[in-house]
Amino acid sequence: MTIYKLTPTFQNRIWGGRKLETDFGYVLPDGPVGECWGISAHPNGQSLIENGPFKGRTLASLWKNHREEVFGQYDLDEFPLLVKVLDAKDDLSVQVHPNDQQALALEGEPYGKTECWYILDAEPGAELIIGHSALTAEEFRARVEAGEWDQLLQRHSVQTGDFVFVESGTIHAIGAGILILEIQQSSDITYRVYDFDRKDTNGKKRELHIDKAIKVSAIPYKEPDVKPILLKAEHGRVTQLIDRKEFTVIHHQANTGYTLPDSEEFLLLTVINGSGKLADKAGGMAVSKGDHLLVPRKSGTITVDGDITFITACQK
């Protein structure tokens, strides 16, 4: 089959839990695991191809050596996207990410981090921190130094099925009790603003990055205008969650007979619920919740057999 299944990697995090094991069936390392890097060419966690002629190769090697064949015509040195599943047993730190220009200037990295979240599960009362109330950098710093977090940070209740866009420069944090599918630029740059004064396993507080955070933050904060669009589809329900230069993300609730049309661009596909089979002219593949797939460009029409909910991402 022309579709490639990817092997995820896992990241231990102080705020993580074990839901990636209980809810998705992943085999996890010991300790609190916060992140599954399901589709990644980032050096901090590389996905491997599980099947086909590139079996055993990294996604990064495909991008380097088979870019036009598998992905399309891209003038990018590094693979642009990263797909994660996050398990927030505890609150994540309040943080912010740079844009591309800032990432290059401050860290020598090719990509900043604009991201988006699809809420897979949220416990009652779960909240996100998105945005802040400061009108100037001076006011932001003063409130940080005074520890006036309740006055500074904007909290939002969240529930299963919500979609949230987090542009680079946005102060944010994922709250406890939330399971998220995150689609982001391929970056691991994070500037922490506040970490709830907690300590790591060595009894030390984690480093904060106040100066860099203020330098890259959007001040004042402006809420983005994001409106998901229902697309026409047979044998399913399809919603375009967002369409931007960084990524296009689409939610597919597919039943038997649903077809995924041929595409000029590669697709990253993550199954978030159900099970069944994806078939193309070359064959078929059984898929289930938690599978992460790469659909190469010009793979032909793909047909669904079963009831499967999945999310696709691409960069046009």
Protein backbone atom coordinates (compact mmCIF):
# COMPACT_ATOMS: atom_id res chain seq x y z
CA MET A 1 0.00 0.00 0.00
CA THR A 2 1.15 3.56 -0.63
CA ILE A 3 0.19 4.75 2.88
CA TYR A 4 2.95 4.58 5.49
CA LYS A 5 2.38 3.88 9.18
CA LEU A 6 4.69 5.70 11.59
CA THR A 7 6.14 4.59 14.92
CA PRO A 8 5.62 7.27 17.59
CA THR A 9 8.13 8.34 20.23
CA PHE A 10 7.25 9.34 23.80
CA GLN A 11 8.39 12.17 26.05
CA ASN A 12 8.42 12.05 29.84
CA ARG A 13 7.03 15.27 31.31
CA ILE A 14 6.58 16.42 34.91
CA TRP A 15 2.91 17.16 34.17
CA GLY A 16 2.17 13.92 32.29
CA GLY A 17 0.23 10.81 33.28
CA ARG A 18 -0.62 7.39 31.81
CA LYS A 19 -3.69 8.12 29.65
CA LEU A 20 -1.70 7.58 26.48
CA GLU A 21 -1.49 3.96 27.65
CA THR A 22 -5.04 3.48 28.91
CA ASP A 23 -6.86 5.51 26.25
CA PHE A 24 -4.70 4.81 23.18
CA GLY A 25 -3.02 1.50 23.97
CA TYR A 26 0.51 2.82 23.49
CA VAL A 27 3.35 0.97 25.19
CA LEU A 28 4.92 3.69 27.33
CA PRO A 29 8.20 4.09 29.17
CA ASP A 30 8.08 4.29 32.97
CA GLY A 31 7.14 7.51 34.72
CA PRO A 32 4.82 10.37 33.81
CA VAL A 33 4.50 10.51 30.03
CA GLY A 34 3.12 13.77 28.71
CA GLU A 35 3.63 13.57 24.96
CA CYS A 36 3.33 11.12 22.10
CA TRP A 37 5.20 12.49 19.09
CA GLY A 38 3.15 10.60 16.54
CA ILE A 39 4.47 12.18 13.34
CA SER A 40 7.83 13.86 13.73
CA ALA A 41 11.02 14.58 11.84
CA HIS A 42 12.35 16.74 14.67
CA PRO A 43 15.74 15.61 16.05
CA ASN A 44 14.31 15.48 19.59
CA GLY A 45 11.97 12.64 18.59
CA GLN A 46 12.06 10.93 15.18
CA SER A 47 9.26 8.83 13.71
CA LEU A 48 10.17 5.64 11.85
CA ILE A 49 8.37 4.20 8.83
CA GLU A 50 6.84 0.80 9.71
CA ASN A 51 5.96 -0.56 6.26
CA GLY A 52 6.67 -0.39 2.57
CA PRO A 53 9.92 0.28 0.66
CA PHE A 54 11.12 2.82 3.25
CA LYS A 55 10.55 0.58 6.27
CA GLY A 56 12.96 1.42 9.09
CA ARG A 57 13.79 4.85 7.68
CA THR A 58 13.10 8.08 9.55
CA LEU A 59 10.61 10.64 8.35
CA ALA A 60 13.48 13.13 8.22
CA SER A 61 15.40 10.90 5.80
CA LEU A 62 12.39 10.70 3.48
CA TRP A 63 12.14 14.49 3.51
CA LYS A 64 15.84 14.80 2.70
CA ASN A 65 16.14 12.09 0.05
CA HIS A 66 12.65 11.58 -1.45
CA ARG A 67 11.00 14.96 -1.00
CA GLU A 68 9.41 15.57 -4.38
CA GLU A 69 8.42 11.92 -4.82
CA VAL A 70 6.70 11.53 -1.44
CA PHE A 71 5.78 15.04 -0.32
CA GLY A 72 5.76 17.44 -3.28
CA GLN A 73 7.73 20.50 -4.28
CA TYR A 74 8.79 22.32 -1.13
CA ASP A 75 11.67 24.77 -0.74
CA LEU A 76 12.11 23.92 2.93
CA ASP A 77 15.25 22.38 4.40
CA GLU A 78 13.40 20.79 7.34
CA PHE A 79 10.10 18.91 7.49
CA PRO A 80 7.55 21.56 8.53
CA LEU A 81 5.01 19.83 10.80
CA LEU A 82 4.81 17.83 14.02
CA VAL A 83 1.78 15.90 15.30
CA LYS A 84 1.46 15.06 19.00
CA VAL A 85 -0.98 13.61 21.50
CA LEU A 86 -0.68 15.32 24.91
CA ASP A 87 -1.85 13.95 28.26
CA ALA A 88 -2.03 16.75 30.84
CA LYS A 89 -2.52 15.05 34.19
CA ASP A 90 -1.31 18.28 35.79
CA ASP A 91 -1.16 21.88 34.53
CA LEU A 92 1.47 22.64 31.91
CA SER A 93 3.62 25.71 32.46
CA VAL A 94 2.39 29.08 31.23
CA GLN A 95 4.49 29.59 28.11
CA VAL A 96 4.90 31.22 24.72
CA HIS A 97 6.60 30.30 21.44
CA PRO A 98 8.41 32.52 18.90
CA ASN A 99 7.52 32.97 15.24
CA ASP A 100 9.86 31.85 12.46
CA GLN A 101 11.90 35.06 12.34
CA GLN A 102 12.27 35.18 16.12
CA ALA A 103 13.23 31.49 16.31
CA LEU A 104 15.99 32.06 13.77
CA ALA A 105 17.26 35.21 15.50
CA LEU A 106 17.10 33.93 19.09
CA GLU A 107 17.82 30.20 18.73
CA GLY A 108 19.16 29.62 15.20
CA GLU A 109 16.20 27.31 14.52
CA PRO A 110 14.29 27.26 11.20
CA TYR A 111 10.75 27.22 12.62
CA GLY A 112 8.88 29.01 15.33
CA LYS A 113 5.80 27.39 16.76
CA THR A 114 2.27 28.12 15.70
CA GLU A 115 0.04 25.28 16.83
CA CYS A 116 -3.57 24.11 17.11
CA TRP A 117 -5.37 21.77 19.46
CA TYR A 118 -8.26 19.37 19.03
CA ILE A 119 -9.62 18.44 22.47
CA LEU A 120 -9.88 14.65 22.59
CA ASP A 121 -11.09 14.54 26.19
CA ALA A 122 -11.62 17.08 28.96
CA GLU A 123 -12.57 16.35 32.55
CA PRO A 124 -15.35 18.45 34.13
CA GLY A 125 -14.05 21.91 35.04
CA ALA A 126 -10.94 21.65 32.83
CA GLU A 127 -9.50 24.94 31.62
CA LEU A 128 -7.02 26.40 29.18
CA ILE A 129 -5.03 29.59 29.60
CA ILE A 130 -5.12 31.52 26.32
CA GLY A 131 -4.04 35.15 26.22
CA HIS A 132 -3.47 37.86 28.82
CA SER A 133 -4.81 41.26 29.85
CA ALA A 134 -1.66 43.43 29.70
CA LEU A 135 -1.72 46.35 27.29
CA THR A 136 2.05 46.99 27.26
CA ALA A 137 5.24 45.01 27.80
CA GLU A 138 5.90 47.11 30.91
CA GLU A 139 2.54 46.18 32.40
CA PHE A 140 3.10 42.52 31.50
CA ARG A 141 6.49 42.45 33.26
CA ALA A 142 5.14 44.27 36.31
CA ARG A 143 2.31 41.79 36.77
CA VAL A 144 4.70 38.84 36.31
CA GLU A 145 7.13 40.24 38.90
CA ALA A 146 4.25 40.89 41.31
CA GLY A 147 2.87 37.38 40.78
CA GLU A 148 -0.53 38.77 39.75
CA TRP A 149 -1.42 35.72 37.72
CA ASP A 150 -5.19 35.85 38.23
CA GLN A 151 -5.29 39.42 36.91
CA LEU A 152 -2.89 38.73 34.03
CA LEU A 153 -3.89 35.37 32.58
CA GLN A 154 -7.12 34.63 30.70
CA ARG A 155 -8.75 31.29 31.51
CA HIS A 156 -11.24 29.47 29.29
CA SER A 157 -13.36 26.41 30.05
CA VAL A 158 -13.00 23.59 27.52
CA GLN A 159 -14.83 20.42 26.56
CA THR A 160 -14.33 17.40 24.33
CA GLY A 161 -14.49 18.28 20.63
CA ASP A 162 -13.38 21.90 20.99
CA PHE A 163 -10.78 23.30 18.59
CA VAL A 164 -8.26 25.95 19.61
CA PHE A 165 -5.79 27.86 17.45
CA VAL A 166 -2.63 29.08 19.21
CA GLU A 167 -0.59 31.42 17.06
CA SER A 168 3.07 32.01 17.88
CA GLY A 169 3.34 34.84 20.41
CA THR A 170 0.27 33.67 22.35
CA ILE A 171 0.65 33.19 26.11
CA HIS A 172 -0.95 29.83 26.85
CA ALA A 173 -1.13 26.74 29.04
CA ILE A 174 -3.00 23.45 28.92
CA GLY A 175 -4.77 22.73 32.19
CA ALA A 176 -4.99 19.49 34.13
CA GLY A 177 -7.39 16.81 32.95
CA ILE A 178 -7.13 17.47 29.22
CA LEU A 179 -6.12 15.10 26.41
CA ILE A 180 -5.20 16.90 23.20
CA LEU A 181 -4.21 16.21 19.61
CA GLU A 182 -1.74 18.95 18.75
CA ILE A 183 -0.68 19.89 15.23
CA GLN A 184 2.18 22.36 15.16
CA GLN A 185 5.17 23.62 13.29
CA SER A 186 8.19 21.38 13.77
CA SER A 187 9.71 23.26 16.69
CA ASP A 188 10.59 22.46 20.29
CA ILE A 189 11.25 26.05 21.43
CA THR A 190 9.35 26.99 24.58
CA TYR A 191 9.75 30.07 26.78
CA ARG A 192 8.24 29.54 30.24
CA VAL A 193 6.61 32.45 32.02
CA TYR A 194 5.22 30.67 35.10
CA ASP A 195 5.43 27.08 36.34
CA PHE A 196 3.20 27.22 39.45
CA ASP A 197 6.36 27.13 41.63
CA ARG A 198 6.57 23.35 41.32
CA LYS A 199 9.80 21.37 41.50
CA ASP A 200 11.20 18.60 39.33
CA THR A 201 12.33 15.16 40.54
CA ASN A 202 15.59 16.71 41.71
CA GLY A 203 13.81 19.24 43.89
CA LYS A 204 14.60 22.17 41.61
CA LYS A 205 12.25 24.64 39.99
CA ARG A 206 12.30 24.57 36.21
CA GLU A 207 13.93 27.47 34.40
CA LEU A 208 11.84 30.47 33.40
CA HIS A 209 12.55 32.64 30.35
CA ILE A 210 10.87 35.94 31.16
CA ASP A 211 12.96 38.24 28.96
CA LYS A 212 12.64 36.09 25.85
CA ALA A 213 8.96 35.47 26.56
CA ILE A 214 8.21 39.18 26.68
CA LYS A 215 10.26 39.73 23.53
CA VAL A 216 8.18 37.26 21.48
CA SER A 217 4.73 37.70 23.08
CA ALA A 218 1.85 39.44 21.35
CA ILE A 219 1.17 42.46 23.57
CA PRO A 220 -1.65 43.37 23.72
CA TYR A 221 -3.22 39.99 22.99
CA LYS A 222 -5.84 39.79 20.24
CA GLU A 223 -8.09 36.74 20.01
CA PRO A 224 -7.84 35.07 16.57
CA ASP A 225 -10.86 34.86 14.31
CA VAL A 226 -11.10 31.14 13.59
CA LYS A 227 -14.32 29.61 12.29
CA PRO A 228 -14.41 25.91 11.36
CA ILE A 229 -16.14 25.23 8.02
CA LEU A 230 -18.40 22.25 7.31
CA LEU A 231 -17.44 20.70 3.96
CA LYS A 232 -19.64 18.68 1.63
CA ALA A 233 -19.09 14.93 1.96
CA GLU A 234 -20.86 11.62 1.40
CA HIS A 235 -20.74 8.79 3.96
CA GLY A 236 -19.40 11.07 6.66
CA ARG A 237 -19.07 14.53 8.13
CA VAL A 238 -16.05 16.67 7.27
CA THR A 239 -15.02 19.91 8.97
CA GLN A 240 -12.12 22.14 7.98
CA LEU A 241 -10.82 23.28 11.34
CA ILE A 242 -8.29 25.77 10.02
CA ASP A 243 -6.54 26.76 6.79
CA ARG A 244 -3.36 28.82 7.16
CA LYS A 245 0.08 29.03 5.65
CA GLU A 246 1.48 26.88 8.47
CA PHE A 247 -1.05 24.06 8.10
CA THR A 248 -4.48 23.03 6.90
CA VAL A 249 -6.28 20.78 9.40
CA ILE A 250 -9.45 18.79 8.64
CA HIS A 251 -11.62 16.60 10.90
CA HIS A 252 -13.14 13.54 9.17
CA GLN A 253 -15.94 11.51 10.74
CA ALA A 254 -16.00 8.73 8.17
CA ASN A 255 -18.28 5.75 7.57
CA THR A 256 -18.00 2.88 5.10
CA GLY A 257 -17.81 4.27 1.59
CA TYR A 258 -16.26 7.58 2.54
CA THR A 259 -13.48 8.60 0.16
CA LEU A 260 -10.42 10.73 0.76
CA PRO A 261 -9.63 12.39 -2.57
CA ASP A 262 -6.26 12.34 -4.25
CA SER A 263 -4.04 15.24 -3.20
CA GLU A 264 -1.19 17.21 -4.71
CA GLU A 265 0.27 17.52 -1.20
CA PHE A 266 1.18 14.90 1.37
CA LEU A 267 -1.26 14.31 4.23
CA LEU A 268 -0.53 13.48 7.86
CA LEU A 269 -3.37 11.36 9.24
CA THR A 270 -4.09 10.46 12.87
CA VAL A 271 -6.95 8.14 13.85
CA ILE A 272 -8.63 9.54 16.97
CA ASN A 273 -11.53 7.10 17.27
CA GLY A 274 -12.89 3.86 15.81
CA SER A 275 -11.28 1.26 13.59
CA GLY A 276 -11.56 -0.10 10.10
CA LYS A 277 -9.65 -0.24 6.86
CA LEU A 278 -8.18 2.30 4.47
CA ALA A 279 -7.87 1.06 0.90
CA ASP A 280 -6.29 2.41 -2.27
CA LYS A 281 -5.49 0.92 -5.66
CA ALA A 282 -2.40 -0.78 -4.23
CA GLY A 283 -4.09 -2.56 -1.33
CA GLY A 284 -5.55 -2.00 2.14
CA MET A 285 -4.44 -1.28 5.68
CA ALA A 286 -6.24 -1.94 8.97
CA VAL A 287 -6.20 1.13 11.20
CA SER A 288 -7.44 1.93 14.70
CA LYS A 289 -7.40 4.67 17.32
CA GLY A 290 -3.90 6.02 17.91
CA ASP A 291 -2.45 5.16 14.49
CA HIS A 292 -0.37 7.83 12.78
CA LEU A 293 -0.01 7.69 8.99
CA LEU A 294 1.74 9.48 6.15
CA VAL A 295 -0.23 9.62 2.89
CA PRO A 296 2.20 10.53 0.08
CA ARG A 297 1.16 12.97 -2.62
CA LYS A 298 -0.73 11.54 -5.60
CA SER A 299 -1.60 8.31 -3.79
CA GLY A 300 -4.96 8.12 -5.51
CA THR A 301 -8.39 7.98 -3.90
CA ILE A 302 -8.51 6.29 -0.49
CA THR A 303 -11.71 4.54 0.59
CA VAL A 304 -12.85 3.88 4.17
CA ASP A 305 -14.35 0.60 5.34
CA GLY A 306 -15.67 0.93 8.90
CA ASP A 307 -16.45 3.80 11.24
CA ILE A 308 -13.30 5.87 11.70
CA THR A 309 -12.73 9.38 12.94
CA PHE A 310 -9.43 10.90 11.91
CA ILE A 311 -7.73 14.26 11.54
CA THR A 312 -5.53 15.20 8.60
CA ALA A 313 -2.93 17.94 8.33
CA CYS A 314 -0.91 19.26 5.43
CA GLN A 315 1.05 22.29 4.35
CA LYS A 316 -0.03 23.59 0.96
